Amino acid sequence: YSSDLRKENLAAMLSLYDETGYSQIMVEPVPQAKVSSYGIVDLNGQGLEPGESVPLSAIVEKPDVEDAPSNFAVVGRYVLSPHTWGWLKRTPLGAGDEIQLTDAIGLLMREYQVNAFHMTGKSHDCGSKMGYMAANVEYASRHPELGSRFNAFLKEYVKTL
């Protein structure tokens, strides 16, 4: 399933920000065993369906599995209030001795509402080599100009494995 980029995901987040003034952070569920690899949001136990946006109460960078407030991971798409930049300047070094955007967002949340937006469609973790390769194969296989030729190549290539 691919999303309609003209009205879903980032486009929807921009619309929500324009309507509400609330920063939007795109999230998707990940297996509980993998929460320690991501920034995880706390939704206060609220449900969140694809395309919905709800207030979040915390964001935690790479929590231990047993401490994670949910299994909703930040996927790296943000529509942030300009106030974020002031908080980013004041954010102390966090995980990995780096300034963490998640920490700045946590500070922002002291004064402003920030919402989690559940993405629609499928994503790949392009921060991993396998996720990056899978994303490229899926994109190439759906490419309007080259997809059919690429898929024919893949079918032949798979026979050699």
Protein backbone atom coordinates (compact mmCIF):
# COMPACT_ATOMS: atom_id res chain seq x y z
CA TYR A 1 0.00 0.00 0.00
CA SER A 2 1.40 3.35 -0.96
CA SER A 3 0.00 6.63 0.24
CA ASP A 4 -1.29 9.54 -1.83
CA LEU A 5 1.47 12.08 -1.20
CA ARG A 6 -0.76 14.97 -2.30
CA LYS A 7 -3.13 14.56 0.64
CA GLU A 8 -1.71 12.01 3.08
CA ASN A 9 1.16 11.94 5.53
CA LEU A 10 3.29 15.09 5.25
CA ALA A 11 0.54 16.95 3.36
CA ALA A 12 -1.96 16.00 6.08
CA MET A 13 0.50 17.01 8.81
CA LEU A 14 0.95 20.43 7.19
CA SER A 15 -2.82 20.88 7.02
CA LEU A 16 -3.21 19.89 10.67
CA TYR A 17 -0.47 22.31 11.70
CA ASP A 18 -2.12 25.11 9.72
CA GLU A 19 -5.51 24.33 11.32
CA THR A 20 -4.35 23.87 14.91
CA GLY A 21 -0.89 25.39 15.32
CA TYR A 22 0.23 22.13 16.97
CA SER A 23 3.54 20.61 15.93
CA GLN A 24 3.10 17.21 14.29
CA ILE A 25 5.48 14.25 14.57
CA MET A 26 4.96 11.29 12.26
CA VAL A 27 4.93 7.91 14.01
CA GLU A 28 4.28 4.28 13.18
CA PRO A 29 4.02 1.18 15.36
CA VAL A 30 7.10 -1.04 15.63
CA PRO A 31 7.51 -4.43 17.31
CA GLN A 32 7.94 -3.98 21.07
CA ALA A 33 11.28 -5.78 20.90
CA LYS A 34 12.65 -3.02 18.63
CA VAL A 35 11.57 0.10 20.55
CA SER A 36 15.11 0.58 21.89
CA SER A 37 16.21 1.49 18.35
CA TYR A 38 13.88 4.49 17.97
CA GLY A 39 12.48 7.63 19.51
CA ILE A 40 9.21 6.48 21.11
CA VAL A 41 6.18 8.63 21.95
CA ASP A 42 3.85 8.45 24.94
CA LEU A 43 0.21 8.77 23.90
CA ASN A 44 -1.23 8.38 27.42
CA GLY A 45 -2.74 5.07 26.37
CA GLN A 46 -4.79 6.61 23.56
CA GLY A 47 -5.39 4.63 20.41
CA LEU A 48 -4.06 6.05 17.17
CA GLU A 49 -5.18 4.93 13.73
CA PRO A 50 -3.42 5.71 10.43
CA GLY A 51 -4.08 9.30 9.41
CA GLU A 52 -5.04 10.39 12.94
CA SER A 53 -3.27 12.91 15.16
CA VAL A 54 -3.40 12.97 18.98
CA PRO A 55 -1.54 14.89 21.68
CA LEU A 56 1.54 13.23 23.06
CA SER A 57 2.79 13.63 26.60
CA ALA A 58 6.41 12.57 26.18
CA ILE A 59 8.99 11.48 23.67
CA VAL A 60 11.86 9.22 24.72
CA GLU A 61 14.99 8.55 22.66
CA LYS A 62 15.80 4.82 22.42
CA PRO A 63 14.19 3.63 25.67
CA ASP A 64 14.81 0.21 27.13
CA VAL A 65 12.12 -2.24 26.00
CA GLU A 66 10.61 -2.47 29.48
CA ASP A 67 10.53 1.34 29.90
CA ALA A 68 9.02 2.29 26.53
CA PRO A 69 5.77 4.25 26.94
CA SER A 70 4.33 2.75 23.71
CA ASN A 71 5.46 1.05 20.54
CA PHE A 72 4.89 4.15 18.36
CA ALA A 73 8.22 5.16 16.85
CA VAL A 74 9.15 8.49 15.34
CA VAL A 75 9.79 7.97 11.62
CA GLY A 76 11.63 11.20 10.88
CA ARG A 77 8.95 13.48 9.45
CA TYR A 78 8.17 16.59 11.44
CA VAL A 79 6.12 19.76 11.09
CA LEU A 80 7.45 21.82 13.96
CA SER A 81 6.59 25.17 15.46
CA PRO A 82 9.25 27.87 15.03
CA HIS A 83 9.52 27.80 18.85
CA THR A 84 11.41 24.50 18.45
CA TRP A 85 14.59 26.32 17.37
CA GLY A 86 14.86 28.22 20.64
CA TRP A 87 14.52 25.00 22.61
CA LEU A 88 17.03 23.24 20.36
CA LYS A 89 19.63 25.92 21.18
CA ARG A 90 19.12 25.28 24.90
CA THR A 91 19.05 21.49 24.70
CA PRO A 92 21.95 19.82 26.55
CA LEU A 93 23.83 16.92 24.99
CA GLY A 94 21.83 13.72 25.18
CA ALA A 95 22.20 10.16 23.86
CA GLY A 96 25.54 9.65 22.11
CA ASP A 97 26.75 13.03 23.44
CA GLU A 98 24.73 14.74 20.71
CA ILE A 99 21.96 17.31 20.77
CA GLN A 100 18.83 15.22 20.31
CA LEU A 101 15.81 16.66 18.52
CA THR A 102 13.63 14.44 20.70
CA ASP A 103 15.02 16.19 23.80
CA ALA A 104 14.26 19.63 22.31
CA ILE A 105 10.72 18.49 21.48
CA GLY A 106 10.34 17.31 25.07
CA LEU A 107 11.28 20.80 26.24
CA LEU A 108 8.93 22.38 23.69
CA MET A 109 6.10 20.27 25.12
CA ARG A 110 6.45 22.10 28.46
CA GLU A 111 4.79 25.12 26.84
CA TYR A 112 3.13 23.94 23.62
CA GLN A 113 1.02 20.99 22.53
CA VAL A 114 2.77 18.54 20.22
CA ASN A 115 0.82 15.83 18.41
CA ALA A 116 1.74 12.40 17.09
CA PHE A 117 0.50 11.73 13.55
CA HIS A 118 0.12 8.05 12.56
CA MET A 119 1.45 7.67 9.03
CA THR A 120 -0.50 5.86 6.34
CA GLY A 121 1.11 3.41 3.96
CA LYS A 122 4.34 1.51 4.39
CA SER A 123 7.74 2.76 5.44
CA HIS A 124 11.23 1.33 5.49
CA ASP A 125 13.92 1.97 8.04
CA CYS A 126 16.46 3.54 5.69
CA GLY A 127 18.78 3.94 8.67
CA SER A 128 19.59 0.25 8.23
CA LYS A 129 21.28 -1.18 5.16
CA MET A 130 18.57 -3.79 4.64
CA GLY A 131 15.76 -1.25 4.98
CA TYR A 132 17.47 1.06 2.52
CA MET A 133 17.89 -1.73 -0.04
CA ALA A 134 14.28 -2.92 0.39
CA ALA A 135 13.00 0.63 -0.11
CA ASN A 136 14.97 0.98 -3.34
CA VAL A 137 13.73 -2.35 -4.70
CA GLU A 138 10.10 -1.52 -3.90
CA TYR A 139 10.40 1.96 -5.37
CA ALA A 140 12.07 0.64 -8.52
CA SER A 141 9.46 -2.08 -8.96
CA ARG A 142 6.66 0.54 -8.93
CA HIS A 143 8.47 3.12 -11.06
CA PRO A 144 6.11 4.22 -13.88
CA GLU A 145 8.79 4.20 -16.57
CA LEU A 146 11.17 1.45 -15.45
CA GLY A 147 9.08 -0.75 -13.14
CA SER A 148 8.08 -3.45 -15.61
CA ARG A 149 11.64 -3.82 -16.93
CA PHE A 150 13.05 -3.84 -13.40
CA ASN A 151 10.55 -6.51 -12.33
CA ALA A 152 11.50 -8.66 -15.33
CA PHE A 153 15.15 -8.28 -14.33
CA LEU A 154 14.33 -9.30 -10.73
CA LYS A 155 12.47 -12.42 -11.87
CA GLU A 156 15.47 -13.52 -13.90
CA TYR A 157 17.92 -12.63 -11.17
CA VAL A 158 16.02 -14.58 -8.50
CA LYS A 159 16.37 -17.72 -10.62
CA THR A 160 20.16 -17.49 -10.20
CA LEU A 161 20.02 -17.55 -6.40
